[in-house]
């Protein structure tokens, strides 16, 4: 997977912000400043997810009917329990950071591949649709900077805080077991008959969603009792860099209209989009060193108005429009943090 470069001015903001905050607090520190806290954590995010994308391009049939062809893929039930490791600490009072890494395995998903023609005069119809089985994995990693939060036991912080960070998120999917559900001849093209694909057409294709994101958000935390507390956060992703990579094995070959054999044989790119994430949870201080928490987390990502580039076997390439792509992942989480 390729991770795009973050713009320099945004990197400077991320790294200068902590220094500015530190300078202000260091100048006002006194002898009873709390000790620096560090922590490692393990979280299980029992997430459900869906994703989809659509491309389109102008098309005129052999009979002179002008319109647009839309091709859309829907990925459902790409659920995964994600194990997330984290480590970090508070460098000075009210300022903290952590680094996170998560991985999960996807099984039991199913996809739908739909192609339709929309005449400029109105109307339209689907001429091909198939379903497939999905498996794969999901990964995320990132770094977060916190101000005025109780992320690592800073009791002086809160109740409102800020978070800034970077997140990489990716789903890698493999598509198999194709079944044709709609098959209508269109402008000289024919498709597999309705039913499972024939033995000569075994689907074994891949698609990767890759997102690089910058976020900013607010955090609220408060004590319910001496041991119990709650927290909630809402973050937005104002900068989105999306890249999709796919390999359609049934279109790969050496013929003039075939996709190239090398993977990927098509890519998608967009820097136009946004996202948001929200979480709400309860925490219990089992001891001074151990904290348990549980709650719910929701993540939504969107990109649009991008490009879809197809690479052909003869070395040529054609670009069409990536209309939009979305990913939603949500579910309950449980976590344990060890402070030292």
C-alpha atoms as a PDB file:
ATOM      1  CA  UNK A   1       0.000   0.000   0.000  1.00  0.00           C
ATOM      2  CA  UNK A   2       1.248   3.469  -0.829  1.00  0.00           C
ATOM      3  CA  UNK A   3       0.905   6.202   1.802  1.00  0.00           C
ATOM      4  CA  UNK A   4       0.709   9.669   0.356  1.00  0.00           C
ATOM      5  CA  UNK A   5       2.891  12.506   1.598  1.00  0.00           C
ATOM      6  CA  UNK A   6       1.277  14.940   4.026  1.00  0.00           C
ATOM      7  CA  UNK A   7       1.516  18.625   2.959  1.00  0.00           C
ATOM      8  CA  UNK A   8       4.488  20.331   4.642  1.00  0.00           C
ATOM      9  CA  UNK A   9       2.509  23.185   6.220  1.00  0.00           C
ATOM     10  CA  UNK A  10       0.174  20.680   7.898  1.00  0.00           C
ATOM     11  CA  UNK A  11       3.125  18.742   9.269  1.00  0.00           C
ATOM     12  CA  UNK A  12       4.543  21.979  10.699  1.00  0.00           C
ATOM     13  CA  UNK A  13       1.231  22.738  12.404  1.00  0.00           C
ATOM     14  CA  UNK A  14       1.153  19.280  13.951  1.00  0.00           C
ATOM     15  CA  UNK A  15       4.677  19.433  15.302  1.00  0.00           C
ATOM     16  CA  UNK A  16       4.805  23.105  16.287  1.00  0.00           C
ATOM     17  CA  UNK A  17       1.500  23.009  18.145  1.00  0.00           C
ATOM     18  CA  UNK A  18       2.835  20.728  20.916  1.00  0.00           C
ATOM     19  CA  UNK A  19       5.979  22.858  21.272  1.00  0.00           C
ATOM     20  CA  UNK A  20       3.958  26.049  21.639  1.00  0.00           C
ATOM     21  CA  UNK A  21       1.695  24.429  24.232  1.00  0.00           C
ATOM     22  CA  UNK A  22       4.690  22.980  26.069  1.00  0.00           C
ATOM     23  CA  UNK A  23       6.430  26.340  26.223  1.00  0.00           C
ATOM     24  CA  UNK A  24       3.442  27.981  27.840  1.00  0.00           C
ATOM     25  CA  UNK A  25       3.090  25.336  30.509  1.00  0.00           C
ATOM     26  CA  UNK A  26       6.772  24.842  31.200  1.00  0.00           C
ATOM     27  CA  UNK A  27       7.109  28.543  31.988  1.00  0.00           C
ATOM     28  CA  UNK A  28       4.323  28.222  34.584  1.00  0.00           C
ATOM     29  CA  UNK A  29       5.262  24.927  36.190  1.00  0.00           C
ATOM     30  CA  UNK A  30       5.818  24.715  39.929  1.00  0.00           C
ATOM     31  CA  UNK A  31       7.354  22.156  42.223  1.00  0.00           C
ATOM     32  CA  UNK A  32       4.174  20.144  42.681  1.00  0.00           C
ATOM     33  CA  UNK A  33       3.730  19.432  38.966  1.00  0.00           C
ATOM     34  CA  UNK A  34       2.449  15.823  38.616  1.00  0.00           C
ATOM     35  CA  UNK A  35       4.815  13.142  37.397  1.00  0.00           C
ATOM     36  CA  UNK A  36       4.920  12.324  33.714  1.00  0.00           C
ATOM     37  CA  UNK A  37       2.594   9.386  32.969  1.00  0.00           C
ATOM     38  CA  UNK A  38       3.043   6.836  30.221  1.00  0.00           C
ATOM     39  CA  UNK A  39       0.709   4.048  29.204  1.00  0.00           C
ATOM     40  CA  UNK A  40       0.132   1.179  26.815  1.00  0.00           C
ATOM     41  CA  UNK A  41      -3.295  -0.037  25.847  1.00  0.00           C
ATOM     42  CA  UNK A  42      -5.129  -2.816  24.047  1.00  0.00           C
ATOM     43  CA  UNK A  43      -8.558  -2.275  22.522  1.00  0.00           C
ATOM     44  CA  UNK A  44     -10.936  -4.587  20.740  1.00  0.00           C
ATOM     45  CA  UNK A  45     -13.212  -2.802  18.271  1.00  0.00           C
ATOM     46  CA  UNK A  46     -16.016  -5.177  17.287  1.00  0.00           C
ATOM     47  CA  UNK A  47     -16.852  -3.343  14.113  1.00  0.00           C
ATOM     48  CA  UNK A  48     -19.348  -3.707  11.304  1.00  0.00           C
ATOM     49  CA  UNK A  49     -18.600  -2.056   7.974  1.00  0.00           C
ATOM     50  CA  UNK A  50     -19.898  -1.275   4.502  1.00  0.00           C
ATOM     51  CA  UNK A  51     -18.153   0.399   1.581  1.00  0.00           C
ATOM     52  CA  UNK A  52     -19.045   1.361  -1.992  1.00  0.00           C
ATOM     53  CA  UNK A  53     -17.804   3.320  -4.977  1.00  0.00           C
ATOM     54  CA  UNK A  54     -19.060   4.426  -8.368  1.00  0.00           C
ATOM     55  CA  UNK A  55     -17.368   5.473 -11.592  1.00  0.00           C
ATOM     56  CA  UNK A  56     -18.995   6.878 -14.746  1.00  0.00           C
ATOM     57  CA  UNK A  57     -18.119   7.884 -18.299  1.00  0.00           C
ATOM     58  CA  UNK A  58     -19.991   9.238 -21.335  1.00  0.00           C
ATOM     59  CA  UNK A  59     -21.068   6.620 -23.870  1.00  0.00           C
ATOM     60  CA  UNK A  60     -22.816   6.663 -27.254  1.00  0.00           C
ATOM     61  CA  UNK A  61     -24.310   3.415 -28.514  1.00  0.00           C
ATOM     62  CA  UNK A  62     -23.847   2.090 -32.047  1.00  0.00           C
ATOM     63  CA  UNK A  63     -27.361   3.361 -32.811  1.00  0.00           C
ATOM     64  CA  UNK A  64     -26.431   6.909 -31.791  1.00  0.00           C
ATOM     65  CA  UNK A  65     -28.031   7.050 -28.337  1.00  0.00           C
ATOM     66  CA  UNK A  66     -25.894   9.274 -26.113  1.00  0.00           C
ATOM     67  CA  UNK A  67     -25.746   8.821 -22.383  1.00  0.00           C
ATOM     68  CA  UNK A  68     -23.627   7.712 -19.457  1.00  0.00           C
ATOM     69  CA  UNK A  69     -22.492   4.333 -18.214  1.00  0.00           C
ATOM     70  CA  UNK A  70     -22.253   3.967 -14.446  1.00  0.00           C
ATOM     71  CA  UNK A  71     -20.376   1.146 -12.779  1.00  0.00           C
ATOM     72  CA  UNK A  72     -20.892   0.654  -9.048  1.00  0.00           C
ATOM     73  CA  UNK A  73     -19.571  -1.762  -6.452  1.00  0.00           C
ATOM     74  CA  UNK A  74     -21.217  -2.259  -3.061  1.00  0.00           C
ATOM     75  CA  UNK A  75     -19.379  -4.117  -0.307  1.00  0.00           C
ATOM     76  CA  UNK A  76     -21.602  -5.274   2.544  1.00  0.00           C
ATOM     77  CA  UNK A  77     -20.816  -6.962   5.859  1.00  0.00           C
ATOM     78  CA  UNK A  78     -17.056  -6.413   5.648  1.00  0.00           C
ATOM     79  CA  UNK A  79     -17.127  -6.757   9.423  1.00  0.00           C
ATOM     80  CA  UNK A  80     -14.044  -7.339  11.514  1.00  0.00           C
ATOM     81  CA  UNK A  81     -12.999  -7.404  15.164  1.00  0.00           C
ATOM     82  CA  UNK A  82      -9.996  -5.057  15.145  1.00  0.00           C
ATOM     83  CA  UNK A  83      -7.244  -5.351  17.741  1.00  0.00           C
ATOM     84  CA  UNK A  84      -5.782  -1.901  18.409  1.00  0.00           C
ATOM     85  CA  UNK A  85      -2.498  -1.364  20.250  1.00  0.00           C
ATOM     86  CA  UNK A  86      -1.626   2.064  21.614  1.00  0.00           C
ATOM     87  CA  UNK A  87       1.209   3.660  23.508  1.00  0.00           C
ATOM     88  CA  UNK A  88       1.898   7.179  24.671  1.00  0.00           C
ATOM     89  CA  UNK A  89       1.973   9.548  27.597  1.00  0.00           C
ATOM     90  CA  UNK A  90       1.655  13.097  28.858  1.00  0.00           C
ATOM     91  CA  UNK A  91       4.837  15.104  28.326  1.00  0.00           C
ATOM     92  CA  UNK A  92       3.735  18.056  30.460  1.00  0.00           C
ATOM     93  CA  UNK A  93       0.479  18.668  32.329  1.00  0.00           C
ATOM     94  CA  UNK A  94      -2.520  18.796  29.989  1.00  0.00           C
ATOM     95  CA  UNK A  95      -0.607  17.753  26.893  1.00  0.00           C
ATOM     96  CA  UNK A  96      -0.384  14.114  25.759  1.00  0.00           C
ATOM     97  CA  UNK A  97       0.124  12.018  22.663  1.00  0.00           C
ATOM     98  CA  UNK A  98      -0.326   8.425  21.595  1.00  0.00           C
ATOM     99  CA  UNK A  99       0.478   6.186  18.634  1.00  0.00           C
ATOM    100  CA  UNK A 100      -2.026   3.529  17.574  1.00  0.00           C
ATOM    101  CA  UNK A 101      -1.938   0.484  15.304  1.00  0.00           C
ATOM    102  CA  UNK A 102      -4.852  -1.787  14.488  1.00  0.00           C
ATOM    103  CA  UNK A 103      -5.430  -4.925  12.446  1.00  0.00           C
ATOM    104  CA  UNK A 104      -8.433  -7.149  11.781  1.00  0.00           C
ATOM    105  CA  UNK A 105      -9.452  -9.984   9.473  1.00  0.00           C
ATOM    106  CA  UNK A 106     -12.528  -9.743   7.239  1.00  0.00           C
ATOM    107  CA  UNK A 107     -14.597 -12.850   6.445  1.00  0.00           C
ATOM    108  CA  UNK A 108     -18.163 -13.463   5.345  1.00  0.00           C
ATOM    109  CA  UNK A 109     -18.657 -10.265   3.353  1.00  0.00           C
ATOM    110  CA  UNK A 110     -20.552 -10.030   0.105  1.00  0.00           C
ATOM    111  CA  UNK A 111     -20.361  -7.617  -2.811  1.00  0.00           C
ATOM    112  CA  UNK A 112     -22.551  -6.484  -5.704  1.00  0.00           C
ATOM    113  CA  UNK A 113     -21.183  -5.265  -9.068  1.00  0.00           C
ATOM    114  CA  UNK A 114     -23.733  -3.279 -11.081  1.00  0.00           C
ATOM    115  CA  UNK A 115     -23.450  -1.701 -14.556  1.00  0.00           C
ATOM    116  CA  UNK A 116     -26.174   0.532 -15.990  1.00  0.00           C
ATOM    117  CA  UNK A 117     -26.760   2.787 -18.991  1.00  0.00           C
ATOM    118  CA  UNK A 118     -28.460   6.166 -18.478  1.00  0.00           C
ATOM    119  CA  UNK A 119     -29.539   7.838 -21.768  1.00  0.00           C
ATOM    120  CA  UNK A 120     -29.277  11.617 -21.858  1.00  0.00           C
ATOM    121  CA  UNK A 121     -32.981  11.728 -22.741  1.00  0.00           C
ATOM    122  CA  UNK A 122     -33.844  10.131 -19.385  1.00  0.00           C
ATOM    123  CA  UNK A 123     -34.528   6.723 -17.960  1.00  0.00           C
ATOM    124  CA  UNK A 124     -31.999   3.932 -17.913  1.00  0.00           C
ATOM    125  CA  UNK A 125     -31.555   0.258 -17.209  1.00  0.00           C
ATOM    126  CA  UNK A 126     -29.129  -2.224 -15.661  1.00  0.00           C
ATOM    127  CA  UNK A 127     -27.509  -4.504 -18.208  1.00  0.00           C
ATOM    128  CA  UNK A 128     -25.201  -6.441 -15.889  1.00  0.00           C
ATOM    129  CA  UNK A 129     -25.138  -7.278 -12.203  1.00  0.00           C
ATOM    130  CA  UNK A 130     -23.283  -9.925 -10.255  1.00  0.00           C
ATOM    131  CA  UNK A 131     -22.628 -10.807  -6.637  1.00  0.00           C
ATOM    132  CA  UNK A 132     -19.481 -12.138  -5.000  1.00  0.00           C
ATOM    133  CA  UNK A 133     -18.024 -13.292  -1.702  1.00  0.00           C
ATOM    134  CA  UNK A 134     -15.544 -11.089   0.176  1.00  0.00           C
ATOM    135  CA  UNK A 135     -12.637 -11.687   2.511  1.00  0.00           C
ATOM    136  CA  UNK A 136      -9.556  -9.689   3.404  1.00  0.00           C
ATOM    137  CA  UNK A 137      -8.201  -7.494   6.166  1.00  0.00           C
ATOM    138  CA  UNK A 138      -8.415  -4.001   7.588  1.00  0.00           C
ATOM    139  CA  UNK A 139      -5.585  -1.887   8.991  1.00  0.00           C
ATOM    140  CA  UNK A 140      -5.228   1.457  10.670  1.00  0.00           C
ATOM    141  CA  UNK A 141      -2.451   3.414  12.305  1.00  0.00           C
ATOM    142  CA  UNK A 142      -2.030   6.974  13.429  1.00  0.00           C
ATOM    143  CA  UNK A 143      -0.738   9.514  15.913  1.00  0.00           C
ATOM    144  CA  UNK A 144      -2.830  11.799  18.110  1.00  0.00           C
ATOM    145  CA  UNK A 145      -1.973  14.897  20.127  1.00  0.00           C
ATOM    146  CA  UNK A 146      -4.254  15.726  23.065  1.00  0.00           C
ATOM    147  CA  UNK A 147      -4.646  18.988  24.955  1.00  0.00           C
ATOM    148  CA  UNK A 148      -6.456  19.289  28.290  1.00  0.00           C
ATOM    149  CA  UNK A 149      -7.710  15.682  28.333  1.00  0.00           C
ATOM    150  CA  UNK A 150      -7.412  12.895  30.888  1.00  0.00           C
ATOM    151  CA  UNK A 151      -6.001  10.518  28.335  1.00  0.00           C
ATOM    152  CA  UNK A 152      -3.219   9.408  30.683  1.00  0.00           C
ATOM    153  CA  UNK A 153      -4.564  10.127  34.124  1.00  0.00           C
ATOM    154  CA  UNK A 154      -4.032  13.880  34.281  1.00  0.00           C
ATOM    155  CA  UNK A 155      -6.685  14.718  36.892  1.00  0.00           C
ATOM    156  CA  UNK A 156      -6.122  18.457  36.432  1.00  0.00           C
ATOM    157  CA  UNK A 157      -7.328  18.315  32.840  1.00  0.00           C
ATOM    158  CA  UNK A 158     -10.819  18.636  31.426  1.00  0.00           C
ATOM    159  CA  UNK A 159     -13.686  18.639  31.189  1.00  0.00           C
ATOM    160  CA  UNK A 160     -13.221  19.835  27.597  1.00  0.00           C
ATOM    161  CA  UNK A 161     -10.159  19.057  25.527  1.00  0.00           C
ATOM    162  CA  UNK A 162      -8.827  19.059  21.985  1.00  0.00           C
ATOM    163  CA  UNK A 163      -7.345  16.360  19.776  1.00  0.00           C
ATOM    164  CA  UNK A 164      -5.364  16.689  16.542  1.00  0.00           C
ATOM    165  CA  UNK A 165      -3.971  13.779  14.606  1.00  0.00           C
ATOM    166  CA  UNK A 166      -3.172  11.767  11.509  1.00  0.00           C
ATOM    167  CA  UNK A 167      -4.879   8.486  10.565  1.00  0.00           C
ATOM    168  CA  UNK A 168      -4.170   5.921   7.888  1.00  0.00           C
ATOM    169  CA  UNK A 169      -7.085   3.552   7.268  1.00  0.00           C
ATOM    170  CA  UNK A 170      -7.243   0.753   4.715  1.00  0.00           C
ATOM    171  CA  UNK A 171      -9.390  -2.228   3.680  1.00  0.00           C
ATOM    172  CA  UNK A 172      -7.911  -4.919   1.419  1.00  0.00           C
ATOM    173  CA  UNK A 173     -10.586  -7.110  -0.155  1.00  0.00           C
ATOM    174  CA  UNK A 174     -10.569 -10.260  -2.261  1.00  0.00           C
ATOM    175  CA  UNK A 175     -13.609 -11.144  -4.406  1.00  0.00           C
ATOM    176  CA  UNK A 176     -14.514 -14.753  -5.289  1.00  0.00           C
ATOM    177  CA  UNK A 177     -17.549 -16.970  -6.035  1.00  0.00           C
ATOM    178  CA  UNK A 178     -19.227 -14.747  -8.627  1.00  0.00           C
ATOM    179  CA  UNK A 179     -22.915 -15.217  -9.436  1.00  0.00           C
ATOM    180  CA  UNK A 180     -24.598 -13.330 -12.293  1.00  0.00           C
ATOM    181  CA  UNK A 181     -27.987 -11.892 -11.271  1.00  0.00           C
ATOM    182  CA  UNK A 182     -28.758  -9.617 -14.267  1.00  0.00           C
ATOM    183  CA  UNK A 183     -27.603 -10.344 -17.828  1.00  0.00           C
ATOM    184  CA  UNK A 184     -29.003  -8.221 -20.676  1.00  0.00           C
ATOM    185  CA  UNK A 185     -27.182  -7.873 -24.043  1.00  0.00           C
ATOM    186  CA  UNK A 186     -26.131  -4.257 -24.489  1.00  0.00           C
ATOM    187  CA  UNK A 187     -24.744  -2.614 -27.634  1.00  0.00           C
ATOM    188  CA  UNK A 188     -23.127  -5.801 -28.900  1.00  0.00           C
ATOM    189  CA  UNK A 189     -21.837  -6.853 -25.471  1.00  0.00           C
ATOM    190  CA  UNK A 190     -22.927 -10.082 -23.795  1.00  0.00           C
ATOM    191  CA  UNK A 191     -22.463 -11.200 -20.205  1.00  0.00           C
ATOM    192  CA  UNK A 192     -22.441 -14.523 -18.375  1.00  0.00           C
ATOM    193  CA  UNK A 193     -25.886 -16.133 -18.072  1.00  0.00           C
ATOM    194  CA  UNK A 194     -27.763 -15.737 -14.805  1.00  0.00           C
ATOM    195  CA  UNK A 195     -26.322 -18.101 -12.218  1.00  0.00           C
ATOM    196  CA  UNK A 196     -22.817 -19.002 -10.994  1.00  0.00           C
ATOM    197  CA  UNK A 197     -20.020 -18.012 -13.343  1.00  0.00           C
ATOM    198  CA  UNK A 198     -18.902 -20.876 -15.629  1.00  0.00           C
ATOM    199  CA  UNK A 199     -15.694 -22.819 -14.798  1.00  0.00           C
ATOM    200  CA  UNK A 200     -13.865 -20.880 -17.516  1.00  0.00           C
ATOM    201  CA  UNK A 201     -14.534 -17.604 -15.653  1.00  0.00           C
ATOM    202  CA  UNK A 202     -13.353 -18.000 -12.062  1.00  0.00           C
ATOM    203  CA  UNK A 203     -13.481 -14.702 -10.209  1.00  0.00           C
ATOM    204  CA  UNK A 204     -10.386 -13.954  -8.107  1.00  0.00           C
ATOM    205  CA  UNK A 205     -10.117 -10.159  -8.031  1.00  0.00           C
ATOM    206  CA  UNK A 206      -8.888  -7.677  -5.427  1.00  0.00           C
ATOM    207  CA  UNK A 207      -9.614  -4.137  -4.364  1.00  0.00           C
ATOM    208  CA  UNK A 208      -7.919  -1.932  -1.757  1.00  0.00           C
ATOM    209  CA  UNK A 209      -9.322   1.177  -0.076  1.00  0.00           C
ATOM    210  CA  UNK A 210      -6.487   3.432   1.196  1.00  0.00           C
ATOM    211  CA  UNK A 211      -7.181   6.630   3.144  1.00  0.00           C
ATOM    212  CA  UNK A 212      -4.744   9.198   4.548  1.00  0.00           C
ATOM    213  CA  UNK A 213      -6.515  11.637   6.865  1.00  0.00           C
ATOM    214  CA  UNK A 214      -5.856  14.578   9.142  1.00  0.00           C
ATOM    215  CA  UNK A 215      -8.258  15.163  11.992  1.00  0.00           C
ATOM    216  CA  UNK A 216      -9.216  17.743  14.588  1.00  0.00           C
ATOM    217  CA  UNK A 217     -11.788  17.278  17.291  1.00  0.00           C
ATOM    218  CA  UNK A 218     -13.130  17.934  20.754  1.00  0.00           C
ATOM    219  CA  UNK A 219     -13.148  15.635  23.769  1.00  0.00           C
ATOM    220  CA  UNK A 220     -15.366  15.789  26.829  1.00  0.00           C
ATOM    221  CA  UNK A 221     -14.670  13.790  29.975  1.00  0.00           C
ATOM    222  CA  UNK A 222     -16.029  13.912  33.515  1.00  0.00           C
ATOM    223  CA  UNK A 223     -16.136  11.836  36.706  1.00  0.00           C
ATOM    224  CA  UNK A 224     -19.298  10.018  37.714  1.00  0.00           C
ATOM    225  CA  UNK A 225     -17.848   8.616  40.952  1.00  0.00           C
ATOM    226  CA  UNK A 226     -14.346   8.305  42.347  1.00  0.00           C
ATOM    227  CA  UNK A 227     -13.707   5.279  40.133  1.00  0.00           C
ATOM    228  CA  UNK A 228     -16.148   5.708  37.233  1.00  0.00           C
ATOM    229  CA  UNK A 229     -15.952   8.335  34.489  1.00  0.00           C
ATOM    230  CA  UNK A 230     -17.325   8.892  31.034  1.00  0.00           C
ATOM    231  CA  UNK A 231     -15.904  10.439  27.884  1.00  0.00           C
ATOM    232  CA  UNK A 232     -17.102  11.420  24.451  1.00  0.00           C
ATOM    233  CA  UNK A 233     -15.333  12.722  21.383  1.00  0.00           C
ATOM    234  CA  UNK A 234     -16.266  14.167  18.007  1.00  0.00           C
ATOM    235  CA  UNK A 235     -13.632  14.582  15.304  1.00  0.00           C
ATOM    236  CA  UNK A 236     -13.788  15.773  11.718  1.00  0.00           C
ATOM    237  CA  UNK A 237     -11.404  14.919   8.892  1.00  0.00           C
ATOM    238  CA  UNK A 238     -11.081  18.084   6.782  1.00  0.00           C
ATOM    239  CA  UNK A 239      -8.197  16.681   4.698  1.00  0.00           C
ATOM    240  CA  UNK A 240      -8.749  13.426   2.797  1.00  0.00           C
ATOM    241  CA  UNK A 241      -6.318  11.720   0.431  1.00  0.00           C
ATOM    242  CA  UNK A 242      -7.949   8.610  -1.046  1.00  0.00           C
ATOM    243  CA  UNK A 243      -6.387   5.984  -3.288  1.00  0.00           C
ATOM    244  CA  UNK A 244      -8.045   2.812  -4.532  1.00  0.00           C
ATOM    245  CA  UNK A 245      -6.235  -0.038  -6.282  1.00  0.00           C
ATOM    246  CA  UNK A 246      -7.973  -2.889  -8.060  1.00  0.00           C
ATOM    247  CA  UNK A 247      -7.153  -5.983 -10.057  1.00  0.00           C
ATOM    248  CA  UNK A 248      -9.915  -7.530 -12.199  1.00  0.00           C
ATOM    249  CA  UNK A 249      -8.569 -10.955 -13.151  1.00  0.00           C
ATOM    250  CA  UNK A 250     -11.433 -11.684 -15.594  1.00  0.00           C
ATOM    251  CA  UNK A 251     -10.506  -8.617 -17.643  1.00  0.00           C
ATOM    252  CA  UNK A 252      -6.730  -9.174 -17.485  1.00  0.00           C
ATOM    253  CA  UNK A 253      -5.042 -10.581 -20.591  1.00  0.00           C
ATOM    254  CA  UNK A 254      -3.092  -9.800 -23.730  1.00  0.00           C
ATOM    255  CA  UNK A 255      -5.895  -8.767 -26.077  1.00  0.00           C
ATOM    256  CA  UNK A 256      -6.363  -5.214 -27.312  1.00  0.00           C
ATOM    257  CA  UNK A 257      -9.332  -4.498 -25.026  1.00  0.00           C
ATOM    258  CA  UNK A 258      -7.974  -6.452 -22.042  1.00  0.00           C
ATOM    259  CA  UNK A 259      -6.676  -4.886 -18.840  1.00  0.00           C
ATOM    260  CA  UNK A 260      -2.976  -5.384 -18.197  1.00  0.00           C
ATOM    261  CA  UNK A 261      -1.938  -8.547 -16.386  1.00  0.00           C
ATOM    262  CA  UNK A 262       0.145  -6.679 -13.788  1.00  0.00           C
ATOM    263  CA  UNK A 263      -1.581  -5.624 -10.593  1.00  0.00           C
ATOM    264  CA  UNK A 264      -3.139  -3.119 -10.158  1.00  0.00           C
ATOM    265  CA  UNK A 265      -4.839  -2.773 -13.513  1.00  0.00           C
ATOM    266  CA  UNK A 266      -6.882   0.198 -12.384  1.00  0.00           C
ATOM    267  CA  UNK A 267      -6.382   2.911  -9.763  1.00  0.00           C
ATOM    268  CA  UNK A 268      -8.567   5.616  -8.249  1.00  0.00           C
ATOM    269  CA  UNK A 269      -7.526   8.913  -6.676  1.00  0.00           C
ATOM    270  CA  UNK A 270      -9.303  11.767  -4.931  1.00  0.00           C
ATOM    271  CA  UNK A 271      -8.328  14.580  -2.592  1.00  0.00           C
ATOM    272  CA  UNK A 272     -11.897  15.909  -2.422  1.00  0.00           C
ATOM    273  CA  UNK A 273     -13.733  14.640   0.595  1.00  0.00           C
ATOM    274  CA  UNK A 274     -14.252  14.619   4.308  1.00  0.00           C
ATOM    275  CA  UNK A 275     -14.961  12.341   7.211  1.00  0.00           C
ATOM    276  CA  UNK A 276     -16.008  12.291  10.816  1.00  0.00           C
ATOM    277  CA  UNK A 277     -15.686  10.053  13.834  1.00  0.00           C
ATOM    278  CA  UNK A 278     -17.571   9.921  17.130  1.00  0.00           C
ATOM    279  CA  UNK A 279     -17.215   7.822  20.258  1.00  0.00           C
ATOM    280  CA  UNK A 280     -18.874   7.579  23.654  1.00  0.00           C
ATOM    281  CA  UNK A 281     -17.731   5.402  26.506  1.00  0.00           C
ATOM    282  CA  UNK A 282     -17.493   4.625  30.214  1.00  0.00           C
ATOM    283  CA  UNK A 283     -14.254   3.987  32.132  1.00  0.00           C
ATOM    284  CA  UNK A 284     -13.460   2.318  35.448  1.00  0.00           C
ATOM    285  CA  UNK A 285     -10.213   2.753  37.376  1.00  0.00           C
ATOM    286  CA  UNK A 286      -9.475  -0.777  38.498  1.00  0.00           C
ATOM    287  CA  UNK A 287      -6.356   0.558  40.242  1.00  0.00           C
ATOM    288  CA  UNK A 288      -3.909   3.420  39.947  1.00  0.00           C
ATOM    289  CA  UNK A 289      -2.221   1.543  37.120  1.00  0.00           C
ATOM    290  CA  UNK A 290      -5.095  -0.193  35.313  1.00  0.00           C
ATOM    291  CA  UNK A 291      -8.091   1.381  33.595  1.00  0.00           C
ATOM    292  CA  UNK A 292     -10.953  -0.452  31.884  1.00  0.00           C
ATOM    293  CA  UNK A 293     -13.285   1.172  29.364  1.00  0.00           C
ATOM    294  CA  UNK A 294     -16.069   0.275  26.965  1.00  0.00           C
ATOM    295  CA  UNK A 295     -18.211   2.192  24.529  1.00  0.00           C
ATOM    296  CA  UNK A 296     -19.222   2.715  20.912  1.00  0.00           C
ATOM    297  CA  UNK A 297     -17.234   4.149  17.991  1.00  0.00           C
ATOM    298  CA  UNK A 298     -18.459   5.362  14.585  1.00  0.00           C
ATOM    299  CA  UNK A 299     -16.290   6.251  11.566  1.00  0.00           C
ATOM    300  CA  UNK A 300     -17.473   7.615   8.202  1.00  0.00           C
ATOM    301  CA  UNK A 301     -15.282   8.566   5.227  1.00  0.00           C
ATOM    302  CA  UNK A 302     -16.245  10.083   1.871  1.00  0.00           C
ATOM    303  CA  UNK A 303     -14.322  11.127  -1.244  1.00  0.00           C
ATOM    304  CA  UNK A 304     -15.632  12.307  -4.602  1.00  0.00           C
ATOM    305  CA  UNK A 305     -14.928  14.040  -7.897  1.00  0.00           C
ATOM    306  CA  UNK A 306     -11.792  11.982  -8.453  1.00  0.00           C
ATOM    307  CA  UNK A 307     -10.228  10.015 -11.300  1.00  0.00           C
ATOM    308  CA  UNK A 308     -10.360   6.345 -12.224  1.00  0.00           C
ATOM    309  CA  UNK A 309      -7.493   5.198 -14.457  1.00  0.00           C
ATOM    310  CA  UNK A 310      -7.612   1.881 -16.331  1.00  0.00           C
ATOM    311  CA  UNK A 311      -4.381   0.331 -17.645  1.00  0.00           C
ATOM    312  CA  UNK A 312      -4.691  -1.807 -20.772  1.00  0.00           C
ATOM    313  CA  UNK A 313      -2.583  -4.695 -21.993  1.00  0.00           C
ATOM    314  CA  UNK A 314      -1.210  -2.670 -24.944  1.00  0.00           C
ATOM    315  CA  UNK A 315       0.325  -0.126 -22.548  1.00  0.00           C
ATOM    316  CA  UNK A 316      -2.346   2.548 -22.956  1.00  0.00           C
ATOM    317  CA  UNK A 317      -4.406   4.056 -20.145  1.00  0.00           C
ATOM    318  CA  UNK A 318      -7.807   5.733 -20.020  1.00  0.00           C
ATOM    319  CA  UNK A 319      -9.142   7.965 -17.241  1.00  0.00           C
ATOM    320  CA  UNK A 320     -12.793   8.195 -16.239  1.00  0.00           C
ATOM    321  CA  UNK A 321     -14.560   9.897 -13.341  1.00  0.00           C
ATOM    322  CA  UNK A 322     -14.610   8.515  -9.821  1.00  0.00           C
ATOM    323  CA  UNK A 323     -18.019   9.844  -8.774  1.00  0.00           C
ATOM    324  CA  UNK A 324     -17.727   8.950  -5.105  1.00  0.00           C
ATOM    325  CA  UNK A 325     -16.460   6.397  -2.616  1.00  0.00           C
ATOM    326  CA  UNK A 326     -17.573   5.862   0.981  1.00  0.00           C
ATOM    327  CA  UNK A 327     -16.632   3.690   3.937  1.00  0.00           C
ATOM    328  CA  UNK A 328     -18.577   3.313   7.184  1.00  0.00           C
ATOM    329  CA  UNK A 329     -17.220   1.329  10.137  1.00  0.00           C
ATOM    330  CA  UNK A 330     -18.911   1.243  13.518  1.00  0.00           C
ATOM    331  CA  UNK A 331     -19.302  -0.913  16.592  1.00  0.00           C
ATOM    332  CA  UNK A 332     -18.740  -1.432  20.286  1.00  0.00           C
ATOM    333  CA  UNK A 333     -15.266  -1.430  21.801  1.00  0.00           C
ATOM    334  CA  UNK A 334     -13.645  -2.614  25.020  1.00  0.00           C
ATOM    335  CA  UNK A 335     -10.207  -1.523  26.168  1.00  0.00           C
ATOM    336  CA  UNK A 336      -7.630  -1.936  28.926  1.00  0.00           C
ATOM    337  CA  UNK A 337      -4.905   0.646  29.644  1.00  0.00           C
ATOM    338  CA  UNK A 338      -1.827   0.039  31.787  1.00  0.00           C
ATOM    339  CA  UNK A 339      -0.241   3.194  33.249  1.00  0.00           C
ATOM    340  CA  UNK A 340       3.292   3.358  34.611  1.00  0.00           C
END
